[in-house]
Each structure stands twice: as C-alpha cells, then as structure tokens.
C-alpha cells in the first residue's frame, strides 16, 4: 500500500520518536511511504534544499497518488491540517492518531467524514497496533 505519512515539521518536533516508530513499522510491513523522510531528525535540513513551491507540488502529487494518509496529530501543524483536508476532499481514507494527554482540534474530532478515523494512543506500541488495524481494514475493503 502507498501511504502518505503526515506529521509536524516546523510546528515542533517533540513527537519525532513516535514518527520514526510509525514509519519504521509501516516500512517493515512492506508498505511504500514516500514521506518517510519526515520522521528523520534531519528533515529540516533535507527540506531546506527545495523551494516551497517545489515541496508543495511534490507533496500534492504524493497525496493524489497515495492509497491512504496516516497522520500523527499530537503537535498542531498548519501543513498537516491542510494535507488532511486535501486528502479528505480527494476521498482518501485518513487515519489521525495522537497521544492521550493531547487535546486535538475539534475540527478533526468532530468531523463525521466516513473516511476519517481519529484515535488516541497511550504508548508507541498501541499507536503501531492502531495504524496496523486501520491499514488492515482499508486493505480488505
């Protein structure tokens, strides 16, 4: 499955470890994750070599061609919210997860879109299991 992984970059990197855990697990399960580099501690340096319009065009192409979106939303991010909205508009299944102690925008938690799933997790292992369960459900449809 081709998965667009979305997470905070410029909004804060406090959740970088969970980003890495989720991406590593998706890759180990054989999925394609073109945005895997977003989990890297060096993402800001890597993205600095491209112009904003190039990043926008690249990421929108990845969104259009992905099967699903997996977003870690514990750290608020304008870009992640934008990507989620675009993915929903395109009819993509979207999975959003966040740490239990984090409050997430009600625009996400109150959204009744049938292709949007928002869950909280207590541990990285639980987050991995929730992502796997979501991907299993999407693959069997």
Protein backbone atom coordinates (compact mmCIF):
# COMPACT_ATOMS: atom_id res chain seq x y z
CA UNK A 1 0.00 0.00 0.00
CA UNK A 2 1.19 3.53 -0.76
CA UNK A 3 0.93 5.57 2.46
CA UNK A 4 1.28 9.33 2.81
CA UNK A 5 2.63 9.89 6.32
CA UNK A 6 1.99 13.35 7.73
CA UNK A 7 3.46 14.94 10.86
CA UNK A 8 4.58 18.26 12.24
CA UNK A 9 7.84 19.64 10.86
CA UNK A 10 8.09 23.37 11.53
CA UNK A 11 5.34 23.31 14.19
CA UNK A 12 7.56 21.30 16.53
CA UNK A 13 9.46 18.03 16.62
CA UNK A 14 8.70 16.85 20.16
CA UNK A 15 6.98 13.73 18.77
CA UNK A 16 9.80 12.75 16.42
CA UNK A 17 10.37 9.41 18.16
CA UNK A 18 6.79 8.25 17.52
CA UNK A 19 7.05 9.47 13.91
CA UNK A 20 10.10 7.26 13.49
CA UNK A 21 8.39 4.30 15.16
CA UNK A 22 5.29 4.54 12.97
CA UNK A 23 7.20 4.97 9.73
CA UNK A 24 9.64 2.14 10.53
CA UNK A 25 6.74 -0.19 11.24
CA UNK A 26 4.86 0.70 8.04
CA UNK A 27 8.03 0.14 6.02
CA UNK A 28 8.76 -3.16 7.79
CA UNK A 29 5.25 -4.34 6.83
CA UNK A 30 6.13 -3.78 3.17
CA UNK A 31 4.28 -0.53 2.59
CA UNK A 32 5.61 2.31 0.46
CA UNK A 33 5.94 5.58 2.41
CA UNK A 34 7.22 8.36 0.12
CA UNK A 35 7.18 10.81 3.03
CA UNK A 36 9.25 8.55 5.32
CA UNK A 37 11.95 11.23 5.43
CA UNK A 38 9.59 13.40 7.51
CA UNK A 39 10.36 11.20 10.52
CA UNK A 40 14.09 11.90 10.25
CA UNK A 41 15.77 14.18 12.79
CA UNK A 42 17.38 15.84 9.76
CA UNK A 43 14.16 16.66 7.91
CA UNK A 44 14.55 20.44 8.23
CA UNK A 45 18.00 20.29 6.64
CA UNK A 46 16.77 17.91 3.93
CA UNK A 47 13.77 20.09 3.05
CA UNK A 48 15.85 23.28 3.04
CA UNK A 49 17.35 22.36 -0.35
CA UNK A 50 14.00 22.73 -2.12
CA UNK A 51 11.88 25.81 -2.74
CA UNK A 52 8.46 25.98 -1.05
CA UNK A 53 6.67 25.71 -4.42
CA UNK A 54 8.66 22.55 -5.23
CA UNK A 55 7.75 20.99 -1.87
CA UNK A 56 4.10 21.90 -2.39
CA UNK A 57 3.98 20.36 -5.89
CA UNK A 58 5.83 17.23 -4.76
CA UNK A 59 3.66 16.69 -1.69
CA UNK A 60 0.39 17.32 -3.54
CA UNK A 61 1.44 14.75 -6.15
CA UNK A 62 2.21 12.24 -3.39
CA UNK A 63 -1.19 12.96 -1.80
CA UNK A 64 -3.01 12.45 -5.10
CA UNK A 65 -1.28 9.13 -5.75
CA UNK A 66 -1.39 7.64 -2.24
CA UNK A 67 -3.86 4.99 -1.13
CA UNK A 68 -4.24 6.34 2.42
CA UNK A 69 -2.99 9.05 4.75
CA UNK A 70 -1.61 8.33 8.22
CA UNK A 71 -1.14 11.49 10.30
CA UNK A 72 0.30 11.89 13.79
CA UNK A 73 -1.51 14.98 15.08
CA UNK A 74 -0.28 15.42 18.66
CA UNK A 75 1.66 18.56 17.67
CA UNK A 76 -0.53 21.14 15.89
CA UNK A 77 0.60 21.89 12.35
CA UNK A 78 -0.90 24.06 9.60
CA UNK A 79 0.61 21.77 6.97
CA UNK A 80 -0.77 18.56 8.48
CA UNK A 81 -4.25 20.08 8.73
CA UNK A 82 -4.04 21.21 5.11
CA UNK A 83 -2.91 17.76 3.97
CA UNK A 84 -5.75 16.08 5.89
CA UNK A 85 -8.31 18.41 4.29
CA UNK A 86 -6.94 17.79 0.78
CA UNK A 87 -6.88 14.02 1.36
CA UNK A 88 -10.49 14.02 2.59
CA UNK A 89 -11.54 16.11 -0.42
CA UNK A 90 -9.85 13.54 -2.67
CA UNK A 91 -11.79 10.77 -0.92
CA UNK A 92 -8.71 9.17 0.63
CA UNK A 93 -9.01 7.19 3.87
CA UNK A 94 -7.32 9.27 6.59
CA UNK A 95 -6.10 7.97 9.94
CA UNK A 96 -5.14 10.51 12.61
CA UNK A 97 -3.60 9.48 15.91
CA UNK A 98 -2.46 11.48 18.90
CA UNK A 99 -1.13 10.99 22.42
CA UNK A 100 -3.89 10.60 25.04
CA UNK A 101 -2.87 13.66 27.00
CA UNK A 102 -3.04 15.96 23.95
CA UNK A 103 -6.09 17.98 23.00
CA UNK A 104 -6.74 17.89 19.29
CA UNK A 105 -8.71 20.39 17.25
CA UNK A 106 -12.46 19.79 17.32
CA UNK A 107 -12.47 20.34 13.57
CA UNK A 108 -10.89 16.86 13.44
CA UNK A 109 -12.56 15.16 16.39
CA UNK A 110 -16.00 16.42 15.40
CA UNK A 111 -15.69 15.66 11.69
CA UNK A 112 -18.23 12.98 10.68
CA UNK A 113 -16.49 12.12 7.39
CA UNK A 114 -16.78 8.35 6.92
CA UNK A 115 -13.21 8.13 5.60
CA UNK A 116 -11.69 9.88 8.66
CA UNK A 117 -10.54 7.99 11.75
CA UNK A 118 -9.21 9.87 14.79
CA UNK A 119 -7.84 7.86 17.74
CA UNK A 120 -5.69 8.46 20.78
CA UNK A 121 -2.91 6.19 21.99
CA UNK A 122 -1.19 5.66 25.32
CA UNK A 123 2.07 4.12 24.11
CA UNK A 124 4.05 3.82 20.88
CA UNK A 125 3.15 0.11 20.74
CA UNK A 126 -0.54 0.99 20.93
CA UNK A 127 -0.14 3.58 18.15
CA UNK A 128 1.56 0.99 15.94
CA UNK A 129 -1.23 -1.51 16.58
CA UNK A 130 -3.89 1.09 15.77
CA UNK A 131 -2.18 2.03 12.50
CA UNK A 132 -1.84 -1.64 11.54
CA UNK A 133 -5.51 -2.27 12.32
CA UNK A 134 -6.56 0.72 10.20
CA UNK A 135 -4.40 -0.39 7.28
CA UNK A 136 -5.78 -3.94 7.53
CA UNK A 137 -9.36 -2.59 7.41
CA UNK A 138 -8.59 -0.37 4.40
CA UNK A 139 -6.87 -3.19 2.51
CA UNK A 140 -9.80 -5.56 2.94
CA UNK A 141 -12.37 -3.09 1.52
